[in-house]
C-alpha cells in the first residue's frame, strides 16, 4: 500500500477515536484493528488481545488476517508506529470473532461509515428511496433530484451496452469512464474529484449545472455510438468513449470562448474541506 496516497481522517465511536485512513486511489477506508478491539473489549492492553487473536485466526487460515495491511499511524503518545489496518469488509469479519456487547453498535457505525446497505440487497427499491431522501436532506431541489435519478439510469444503460460489447472487468469500466472524463475535462474521474476536494463523495453530485450537462452529453453520445457501432473489446470501446468525450469537449470550448473563462470549477456542493493530519503536524512544527 502506498501511504503517500492516503490521508488520516480519524472517526469517533462512543467518544473514542478510531484511527481511520482514506485511500483515495481505491476510494475506501482502512481502519486500525487495535482501535476497534479496544472499543469492543474494553481491554487495558488491546495490542496483546489483538496479537493473540491474530495468531489464532491465522492458524485457522482466516483470509482477513492474511489480507491485513500495515501502516504507520500516530499513537496516543504522539509517535508513529506500524499498525494493522483492514478495510470495512475485513473489519466485519474480525468483529465476528470477538464476543462483545458493543459488537452491534460498532457494526452499525461501520455500516454507516462504509455506506453498507445490507437491506437493499433484498429490497433494491430501498436504495432508490434512500437516495432521494439523502438528496432532499442535503438541500437539492426536486427538479434536480428527478434529473439525477434519471442520470443514474442513463449511466446504467451505458454500462449495460459496454457489457454487451465485451467489457466485463471493473478496471475496464474505470478506463472507459476515465477516457470520457479525460477527453472533455482534461482530468480522470479521480483527478477531478481531487480537484474539487472530494474523497468518497460522488463527483457528479458536486458538479455545477454546466459540468453536469457536459458529463451527460459525453456519456449519452458514447452510449448511442456504442449501441450503433457495436465496438468489441476494450480497445475499440475506448475509441468510442473518446468520441463521446470529444463532443462534450467541443461544446465546452465554445462555452468558454463565449464566457472568457473556464467552466470547470473546484467548488463542491457542500463545501467539503478535509484536513491532512500530516500537514497539521508540519504546521505545528
Protein backbone atom coordinates (compact mmCIF):
# COMPACT_ATOMS: atom_id res chain seq x y z
CA UNK A 1 0.00 0.00 0.00
CA UNK A 2 1.25 3.46 -0.88
CA UNK A 3 0.79 5.54 2.28
CA UNK A 4 1.64 8.70 0.34
CA UNK A 5 -1.73 8.32 -1.38
CA UNK A 6 -3.62 8.11 1.93
CA UNK A 7 -4.97 10.55 4.46
CA UNK A 8 -5.69 10.16 8.15
CA UNK A 9 -9.34 11.05 8.77
CA UNK A 10 -9.95 9.95 12.35
CA UNK A 11 -13.51 8.96 13.22
CA UNK A 12 -15.25 8.89 16.59
CA UNK A 13 -17.21 5.98 18.06
CA UNK A 14 -18.74 6.50 21.53
CA UNK A 15 -16.25 9.29 22.25
CA UNK A 16 -13.33 7.03 21.30
CA UNK A 17 -11.01 7.95 18.44
CA UNK A 18 -10.85 5.25 15.78
CA UNK A 19 -7.84 5.85 13.55
CA UNK A 20 -9.24 5.73 10.05
CA UNK A 21 -7.36 6.07 6.78
CA UNK A 22 -8.84 7.19 3.47
CA UNK A 23 -7.22 5.58 0.43
CA UNK A 24 -8.01 7.98 -2.40
CA UNK A 25 -6.80 5.58 -5.10
CA UNK A 26 -9.02 2.68 -4.02
CA UNK A 27 -11.67 5.06 -2.68
CA UNK A 28 -12.15 3.12 0.53
CA UNK A 29 -11.50 3.39 4.25
CA UNK A 30 -8.95 1.38 6.23
CA UNK A 31 -9.39 1.17 9.99
CA UNK A 32 -6.99 0.44 12.83
CA UNK A 33 -7.75 -3.05 14.11
CA UNK A 34 -6.42 -2.41 17.59
CA UNK A 35 -8.69 0.64 17.98
CA UNK A 36 -11.75 -1.44 17.17
CA UNK A 37 -10.52 -4.18 19.53
CA UNK A 38 -10.20 -1.55 22.27
CA UNK A 39 -13.78 -0.38 21.68
CA UNK A 40 -15.09 -3.94 21.55
CA UNK A 41 -13.34 -5.41 24.58
CA UNK A 42 -12.53 -2.52 26.91
CA UNK A 43 -9.18 -4.29 27.23
CA UNK A 44 -6.39 -2.47 29.05
CA UNK A 45 -3.98 -3.95 26.55
CA UNK A 46 -5.77 -4.21 23.19
CA UNK A 47 -2.44 -4.73 21.40
CA UNK A 48 -1.89 -8.01 23.28
CA UNK A 49 -5.51 -9.04 22.76
CA UNK A 50 -5.19 -8.48 19.02
CA UNK A 51 -1.81 -10.24 18.85
CA UNK A 52 -3.28 -13.39 20.42
CA UNK A 53 -6.46 -13.24 18.33
CA UNK A 54 -4.48 -12.61 15.16
CA UNK A 55 -2.35 -15.71 15.74
CA UNK A 56 -5.44 -17.85 16.35
CA UNK A 57 -7.18 -16.55 13.23
CA UNK A 58 -4.01 -17.04 11.20
CA UNK A 59 -3.67 -20.64 12.44
CA UNK A 60 -7.29 -21.18 11.37
CA UNK A 61 -6.44 -19.91 7.88
CA UNK A 62 -8.56 -16.78 8.20
CA UNK A 63 -8.08 -14.75 4.98
CA UNK A 64 -8.85 -11.46 6.72
CA UNK A 65 -5.70 -11.73 8.79
CA UNK A 66 -3.73 -12.73 5.72
CA UNK A 67 -5.02 -9.63 3.93
CA UNK A 68 -4.17 -7.28 6.81
CA UNK A 69 -2.20 -4.23 5.77
CA UNK A 70 0.30 -2.36 7.91
CA UNK A 71 0.52 1.44 8.01
CA UNK A 72 2.43 3.89 10.16
CA UNK A 73 -0.17 5.59 12.36
CA UNK A 74 0.12 8.14 15.12
CA UNK A 75 -0.18 6.51 18.56
CA UNK A 76 -1.52 8.09 21.74
CA UNK A 77 1.99 9.08 22.79
CA UNK A 78 2.38 11.09 19.58
CA UNK A 79 4.81 8.67 17.94
CA UNK A 80 4.15 6.92 14.65
CA UNK A 81 4.11 3.12 14.79
CA UNK A 82 3.32 0.32 12.38
CA UNK A 83 -0.32 -0.64 12.89
CA UNK A 84 -2.53 -3.36 11.39
CA UNK A 85 -5.40 -1.96 9.34
CA UNK A 86 -8.18 -3.61 7.34
CA UNK A 87 -10.99 -2.34 5.17
CA UNK A 88 -14.57 -2.23 6.40
CA UNK A 89 -15.46 -5.65 4.99
CA UNK A 90 -12.49 -7.20 6.75
CA UNK A 91 -13.36 -5.46 9.99
CA UNK A 92 -16.84 -7.00 9.95
CA UNK A 93 -15.19 -10.44 9.80
CA UNK A 94 -12.86 -9.68 12.69
CA UNK A 95 -15.74 -8.43 14.83
CA UNK A 96 -17.46 -11.79 14.36
CA UNK A 97 -14.50 -13.39 16.17
CA UNK A 98 -14.78 -11.16 19.25
CA UNK A 99 -17.60 -11.70 21.77
CA UNK A 100 -18.72 -8.25 22.85
CA UNK A 101 -21.82 -6.32 23.84
CA UNK A 102 -20.52 -3.50 21.65
CA UNK A 103 -20.44 -5.62 18.50
CA UNK A 104 -23.77 -4.47 17.08
CA UNK A 105 -23.26 -0.73 17.73
CA UNK A 106 -19.84 -0.91 16.09
CA UNK A 107 -21.26 -2.82 13.12
CA UNK A 108 -23.87 -0.11 12.69
CA UNK A 109 -21.16 2.54 12.93
CA UNK A 110 -19.05 0.75 10.31
CA UNK A 111 -22.07 0.26 8.08
CA UNK A 112 -22.73 3.97 8.11
CA UNK A 113 -19.07 4.74 7.52
CA UNK A 114 -18.79 2.41 4.56
CA UNK A 115 -22.29 3.00 3.18
CA UNK A 116 -23.04 -0.65 3.76
CA UNK A 117 -26.71 -1.20 2.83
CA UNK A 118 -27.38 -4.85 3.53
CA UNK A 119 -31.18 -4.49 3.43
CA UNK A 120 -31.00 -3.14 -0.10
CA UNK A 121 -29.77 -6.50 -1.35
CA UNK A 122 -33.20 -7.86 -0.53
CA UNK A 123 -35.24 -4.79 -1.49
CA UNK A 124 -33.49 -2.64 -4.15
CA UNK A 125 -36.28 -0.04 -4.02
CA UNK A 126 -34.91 0.98 -0.62
CA UNK A 127 -31.73 2.17 -2.32
CA UNK A 128 -33.65 4.42 -4.70
CA UNK A 129 -35.77 5.92 -1.94
CA UNK A 130 -32.73 6.36 0.29
CA UNK A 131 -31.01 8.28 -2.49
CA UNK A 132 -33.98 10.59 -2.89
CA UNK A 133 -34.21 11.18 0.86
CA UNK A 134 -30.48 11.88 1.12
CA UNK A 135 -30.57 14.38 -1.74
CA UNK A 136 -33.51 16.15 -0.12
CA UNK A 137 -31.69 16.28 3.22
CA UNK A 138 -28.65 17.82 1.51
CA UNK A 139 -30.79 20.59 0.06
CA UNK A 140 -31.12 19.55 -3.58
CA UNK A 141 -34.39 20.67 -5.16
CA UNK A 142 -36.94 18.20 -6.51
CA UNK A 143 -36.21 19.02 -10.16
CA UNK A 144 -32.51 18.33 -9.66
CA UNK A 145 -33.26 15.07 -7.82
CA UNK A 146 -35.54 13.85 -10.62
CA UNK A 147 -32.85 14.59 -13.19
CA UNK A 148 -30.14 12.92 -11.06
CA UNK A 149 -32.14 9.71 -10.68
CA UNK A 150 -32.59 9.69 -14.47
CA UNK A 151 -28.83 10.23 -14.87
CA UNK A 152 -28.22 7.14 -12.78
CA UNK A 153 -30.49 5.12 -15.05
CA UNK A 154 -28.77 6.54 -18.15
CA UNK A 155 -25.40 5.54 -16.73
CA UNK A 156 -26.74 2.03 -16.12
CA UNK A 157 -27.81 1.81 -19.77
CA UNK A 158 -24.30 2.84 -20.85
CA UNK A 159 -22.60 0.20 -18.70
CA UNK A 160 -25.08 -2.42 -19.95
CA UNK A 161 -24.09 -1.64 -23.53
CA UNK A 162 -20.42 -1.85 -22.57
CA UNK A 163 -21.11 -5.30 -21.14
CA UNK A 164 -22.79 -6.35 -24.37
CA UNK A 165 -19.69 -5.14 -26.20
CA UNK A 166 -17.38 -7.38 -24.21
CA UNK A 167 -16.46 -5.19 -21.23
CA UNK A 168 -16.51 -7.33 -18.09
CA UNK A 169 -13.82 -6.18 -15.65
CA UNK A 170 -14.36 -3.29 -13.23
CA UNK A 171 -10.95 -1.96 -14.24
CA UNK A 172 -12.14 -1.76 -17.86
CA UNK A 173 -15.26 0.20 -16.87
CA UNK A 174 -13.00 2.63 -14.98
CA UNK A 175 -10.71 3.00 -18.00
CA UNK A 176 -13.64 3.86 -20.27
CA UNK A 177 -15.12 6.29 -17.77
CA UNK A 178 -11.75 7.97 -17.38
CA UNK A 179 -11.40 8.22 -21.15
CA UNK A 180 -14.68 10.15 -21.30
CA UNK A 181 -13.76 12.49 -18.44
CA UNK A 182 -10.16 12.98 -19.56
CA UNK A 183 -11.24 13.89 -23.08
CA UNK A 184 -13.72 16.61 -22.21
CA UNK A 185 -12.38 17.88 -18.86
CA UNK A 186 -8.66 17.12 -19.07
CA UNK A 187 -8.85 15.06 -15.86
CA UNK A 188 -9.63 11.47 -14.92
CA UNK A 189 -12.54 10.92 -12.54
CA UNK A 190 -10.22 10.59 -9.52
CA UNK A 191 -8.23 13.68 -10.54
CA UNK A 192 -11.48 15.61 -10.97
CA UNK A 193 -12.64 14.57 -7.50
CA UNK A 194 -9.31 15.57 -6.01
CA UNK A 195 -9.55 18.93 -7.79
CA UNK A 196 -12.90 19.50 -6.07
CA UNK A 197 -11.59 18.39 -2.69
CA UNK A 198 -13.67 15.21 -2.67
CA UNK A 199 -12.84 11.71 -1.47
CA UNK A 200 -15.70 9.26 -1.15
CA UNK A 201 -18.37 11.75 -2.24
CA UNK A 202 -19.96 11.48 -5.67
CA UNK A 203 -18.25 13.60 -8.32
CA UNK A 204 -21.41 14.30 -10.31
CA UNK A 205 -23.34 15.29 -7.19
CA UNK A 206 -20.76 18.02 -6.69
CA UNK A 207 -20.67 19.45 -10.21
CA UNK A 208 -22.38 22.67 -11.20
CA UNK A 209 -25.06 22.70 -13.91
CA UNK A 210 -22.72 23.10 -16.88
CA UNK A 211 -20.32 20.40 -15.67
CA UNK A 212 -23.24 18.01 -15.20
CA UNK A 213 -24.62 18.82 -18.64
CA UNK A 214 -21.28 18.18 -20.33
CA UNK A 215 -20.91 14.88 -18.49
CA UNK A 216 -24.42 13.89 -19.57
CA UNK A 217 -23.69 14.80 -23.20
CA UNK A 218 -20.42 12.85 -23.26
CA UNK A 219 -22.00 9.70 -21.82
CA UNK A 220 -25.16 9.95 -23.90
CA UNK A 221 -23.19 10.28 -27.13
CA UNK A 222 -20.91 7.41 -26.08
CA UNK A 223 -23.94 5.26 -25.33
CA UNK A 224 -25.59 5.92 -28.68
CA UNK A 225 -22.37 5.40 -30.64
CA UNK A 226 -21.61 2.19 -28.79
CA UNK A 227 -25.12 0.93 -29.42
CA UNK A 228 -24.96 1.79 -33.12
CA UNK A 229 -21.43 0.68 -34.00
CA UNK A 230 -21.09 -2.21 -31.51
CA UNK A 231 -17.35 -1.95 -30.84
CA UNK A 232 -15.83 -5.12 -29.39
CA UNK A 233 -13.35 -5.26 -26.58
CA UNK A 234 -11.63 -2.54 -24.60
CA UNK A 235 -9.53 -1.01 -27.37
CA UNK A 236 -12.46 -0.35 -29.70
CA UNK A 237 -14.69 0.88 -26.88
CA UNK A 238 -12.01 3.36 -25.79
CA UNK A 239 -12.20 4.95 -29.26
CA UNK A 240 -15.96 5.35 -28.91
CA UNK A 241 -15.64 6.74 -25.37
CA UNK A 242 -13.10 9.25 -26.66
CA UNK A 243 -15.50 10.30 -29.44
CA UNK A 244 -18.28 10.86 -26.89
CA UNK A 245 -15.95 12.90 -24.71
CA UNK A 246 -14.79 14.88 -27.75
CA UNK A 247 -18.32 16.11 -28.46
CA UNK A 248 -18.56 17.45 -24.92
CA UNK A 249 -15.06 18.95 -25.22
CA UNK A 250 -16.07 20.88 -28.35
CA UNK A 251 -19.17 22.15 -26.54
CA UNK A 252 -17.04 23.13 -23.55
CA UNK A 253 -14.63 25.08 -25.79
CA UNK A 254 -17.49 27.03 -27.36
CA UNK A 255 -18.96 27.90 -23.96
CA UNK A 256 -15.61 29.01 -22.58
CA UNK A 257 -14.94 31.14 -25.68
CA UNK A 258 -18.21 32.93 -25.04
CA UNK A 259 -17.70 33.34 -21.30
CA UNK A 260 -13.99 34.02 -21.44
CA UNK A 261 -13.33 31.71 -18.50
CA UNK A 262 -13.10 28.03 -17.58
CA UNK A 263 -16.40 26.36 -16.74
CA UNK A 264 -14.66 23.68 -14.65
CA UNK A 265 -14.76 24.75 -11.02
CA UNK A 266 -13.12 23.38 -7.90
CA UNK A 267 -16.25 24.19 -5.91
CA UNK A 268 -18.32 21.32 -4.50
CA UNK A 269 -21.94 21.22 -3.42
CA UNK A 270 -21.46 21.12 0.35
CA UNK A 271 -18.13 22.91 0.59
CA UNK A 272 -16.32 19.80 1.86
CA UNK A 273 -12.97 20.52 3.45
CA UNK A 274 -10.58 17.83 4.65
CA UNK A 275 -7.59 18.48 6.84
CA UNK A 276 -4.49 16.40 6.23
CA UNK A 277 -3.23 15.18 9.61
CA UNK A 278 0.40 15.21 8.48
CA UNK A 279 0.02 18.76 7.17
CA UNK A 280 -1.32 19.80 10.57
CA UNK A 281 1.69 18.25 12.27
CA UNK A 282 4.09 20.08 9.94
CA UNK A 283 2.34 23.40 10.51
CA UNK A 284 2.63 22.96 14.29
CA UNK A 285 6.34 22.36 13.92
